Each structure stands twice: as C-alpha cells, then as structure tokens.
Amino acid sequence: MAKNTTIAQSVSSRPPVVAVLGHVDHGKTTLLDYIRKANVASHEHGGITQHIGAYQISYKTKSKEDRFITFIDTPGHEAFGKIRSRGATAADIAILVVAANDSVKPQTIESIKQIQSAGIPMIVVINKIDLPGIIIDKVKSDLAKHAVQVEGFGGDVPCVLVSAKEGKGVTDLLELILLIADMKELTGDPKAELNAVVIEAKVDRFRGQVATLLVKSGTLAVGSLLYESEKSLGRVRALFDEHGVKVETAPPGKPVEVLGFSSLPSVGVMITGLPVKAAPVGVSKPKDAANVADFLAAMTAADKKRLKLLIKADTSGSLEAVLESLPKSDIDVVSSSLGEITEADILEARASGAVVVGFNVKVGPGVEKLATHEKVIFRTYSIIYELLDEMKDVVTGMEELLVRERQLGTGTIIAEFPYEKDRIAGTKVASGRLAKGDMVRVMRGEDVIGTARIKSVRQGKNEVTKVEVGGECGVLLDKKVDFTLQDVIIAFTTG
C-alpha cells in the first residue's frame, strides 16, 4: 500500500468515504490497521477505539490505477452510538465487520440500524476466517434475522470473507468499495462552496482548539473562513493530513486536522465557508425540557445523596459519549469540559461537593496534592465502560444506603452555649424527635458539616431522653462539629 501521494482529481469525481462499524473486538481496527499500515491498534486501550479518526489511503487497483479511499474509523463501544451514527451519515458506504467466531452481537445490531437509517450501501465483512471451527453460514443466518441478507444467502448485500490479521480478502474488499463508488458516481466540485463535516473536535494543550474535518465539497485552504450556520468559528491557521504533514489545501473527500478555531464546533455539524442563515423552525422545548418540572417536583430529602460529578474529557466526542451514557436519574453533572484536570477543577469540585472524573486526560501539576488537601476525590479512566461501571456501582451503593436510612427527626440550631471544652447546640425540634444516642448529620444548606452521635439532650438543667416536635433543647454531640446558627440537625437510623 503506497503512502498518500498527490494524485490528480477531476472536478466530477471524488474519493468514496467509508464508515467502518461493528461490535467491540470483532477486528474493525485491526482491519483498518492492515489497510493503512499505521499500527493504530497498538495504541488503543482495551481494544476500544476511543474517538473517531479519518484516514485517506492511496490504493493501486488491479487495473494499475491509483485511487483514493477515505475511511472513518468509528468507535465500537455502545456508549459511542451517537458518534457512530454520525459517522455513518457522513459516509458514502458502510462496512459492517462481524467476527466469524462470534457472529451477531448487540453492537452489531445497533450498527445495522444506524447504517439502514443513514440509507447508504452496506458491505458485510466476515472477519477472523483464519480461526478454527468457524461456521460462515451461521453468521449469514444470524444477519438475515436482522434484515441483512447477503449475496448467495437470499439477498443482495455484498459479503467479503476476511482475515484482517493475515490480510486475506482485503484486496477484494478494496476493489468492491471502488466498484460501488463507481456505481454511485460520487461527485465533489473543488470549486464549489465549502462544505465539510466535523469528525472530531478537541482542545489541545499546545495547539488550542482543533477539529478534524472531512471535506464534502469545495476546497478547504489555509486562510479559509469557517462558519457553523451563521456563527463564525474562526479562520484556518494550519492544515495537517493523517500523517501529521502540513498541507495547504484539502479537496472533496479529504480529511484534515484544522487549527484556527475561535470556537470549538460539535461533532457531526456541517462547516461552511460562508454564513448560512438557519431555516426558520417552530418554537420547541429543548431536549429533556419536559422532564425538568417533573424532576423538580420529585425532589426529596433523598436527592441530597445524589452523586455529583465534574467531568473532564480529551475530546468533544468522548465527552458527549460519557454524558449520554451516565444514568441521569441518579447523577448530577455540575460541570463538564475539555482538557486536563486542573487545580481550578478541584476547587470547583470542593465548592460543589462533586467527584472529579477524567476520561483520557492528564492530571495537571499540583492537582493531586491540592485534591488531598481539599479532600476532593478524583478518578481518571482510559476505557469508557470501566468509568460507567464504577459510577453505576457508586450509585447502587448510595441507593442501598438510602433504603437502609430512615429519618427520625430534624431540628434547627437557634443558639449555642459553652460547656467545659465543648459547645452545646440550642436546638428547636422541627419534625419528629431528637433523642440521646441518635446518629445525626449537621447540614448547612446542602452541605454536610459533620456527622456525630447525640451524647446528651438537656432541657434547662435537666437531662432528658428525647424532645418531641416543637420543643427546644440543648444538644451535646460526642465529637466536635463546627456548627453555626441556622444549621440543621437531622437524626437518622440505618437500621
């Protein structure tokens, strides 16, 4: 396979753009790795591609003609379904990779739906044919159950048998891609107005806001203005191809990394070279707006125990995938942004009572020391399902705690009195009762100031066992809690 070289492109044709989809570990990335000889697979974590990349290869056909093919390498994990769907929409042809030894899996079915929704031709690649004991007809039969009927098995969907590891069948696949592209008569005028799709977007520590664009029509060049509808996103400062080589222009079908954004675009949006007035639409509520009132109405004391997260991610695609996958009914995201975890993030988390979660990001200098000092928990992950599984475990643990915990009474601190080396909280019981021996939580707004046990309860000079609602008493705790007036004491049991 020759490295990308300059090949003349006519006004009427452009390279096909191919999206590669499939279940985790079915060999999608290994296939692309073999095609482009770039050893992408060795840089992945847990066998999962963490974000979309676009690569263009030069292929010499059997007829000795040099042709370009552009591949969109879409993530394989189910959490990236939204990105994967956009990847299919941006493509002309979709490859569905299915492992011969594993057949159809949940992400295979999801990928089928996305390809069918995109309305583009599909090529089925049955991979890992080098493994012993495989039954190709079983894979074809399983695909037929999901409305994918391949050639020779009652349908017209092309099917190629491949060993991505050994390279068997790869040439046949590339020839088939170009045959379908020729049948589709793909066109892209380099002289037309610029239209490009955002494949990836991220904040680079050294280069600023960077996005990978796939040019659909027109030519992207250094100095080009960039717009999303009517919004200006900046001007192209530099372009880099898939090898990291600086280029001056990118014609239709060419993916390039773009520097110069003043505002980071979202993955999947269309970028133009001129402002485009958005078509008028009816007034509608934002997504999930209908649930806001329900959520507020359903707020209870148990919501005080909801898990709060401050999320940092390396790219907008990763961040979107994490946010889409978290259980929204159990978790509050107080902040989400791109870039490494900084001291400012730790201080924000401390103020909001949140846990800091980083996905594919580094931890800035001094952060760990500050987090320890401020008693802020932070975690970093490089595999999304580990992040999601751990967050689910935390939420489950909180739910179990809430099931066991029962509120006994509440009181408001209205005065304080010195007692030897301790302080007595003069308290008015607002609900239930407060009793000697109760476990209590001292709250200031939504923040927990401390947890202790009631050592004694006094009314005047008399020590009593408990005080009911409406009564006033002095509460002595068994350990120091830095309470102040108007703090709330909540007595609870975990029995």
Foldseek 3Di string as FASTA:
>chain_A
DDADDDDDDDQQADAFEEEEEEAQPLCRVLLVCLVNVPPPQVPADPSWDLFKDKAKGWDQAPVRDTGIHIYIYHTRDPLLLVLSLLSLLVGQEYEYRAEQVHADDPRSLSNVVSNVVSVHAYEYEHEPPVDPPGDNVVNQVVVVVSVDHDPPRPDPRHYFYYYSNVGPRSSVVVVVSVVVSVVVSHGAGQQDWWKWFWRWWFQDPPQGTKTKIATAYHKQFQQFWKDQAQHTFFGFNWWAAPVRHTDGMAHHRGIIMTGTTPDIDAHSGMITRHHHHDDDDDDDDPPCPVCPVVLVVPDDPLLLLAAEEAEEEGINSSQVSLVVLADPVRYHYPYYYYAAAELVNLVVCLVVVHAYEYEPYHHDPPNVVSCVVSVHHYDYYDDSVVVRVVSVVVSVVSVLQVVLKDWQWKWFFADWDDDVPFIWGWIATAAHKDFAQFWKFKADVSDTQDIFGFNFKADVPDTDGMDGHGDIIITTTPDDTPDDGGIMIITMGRD
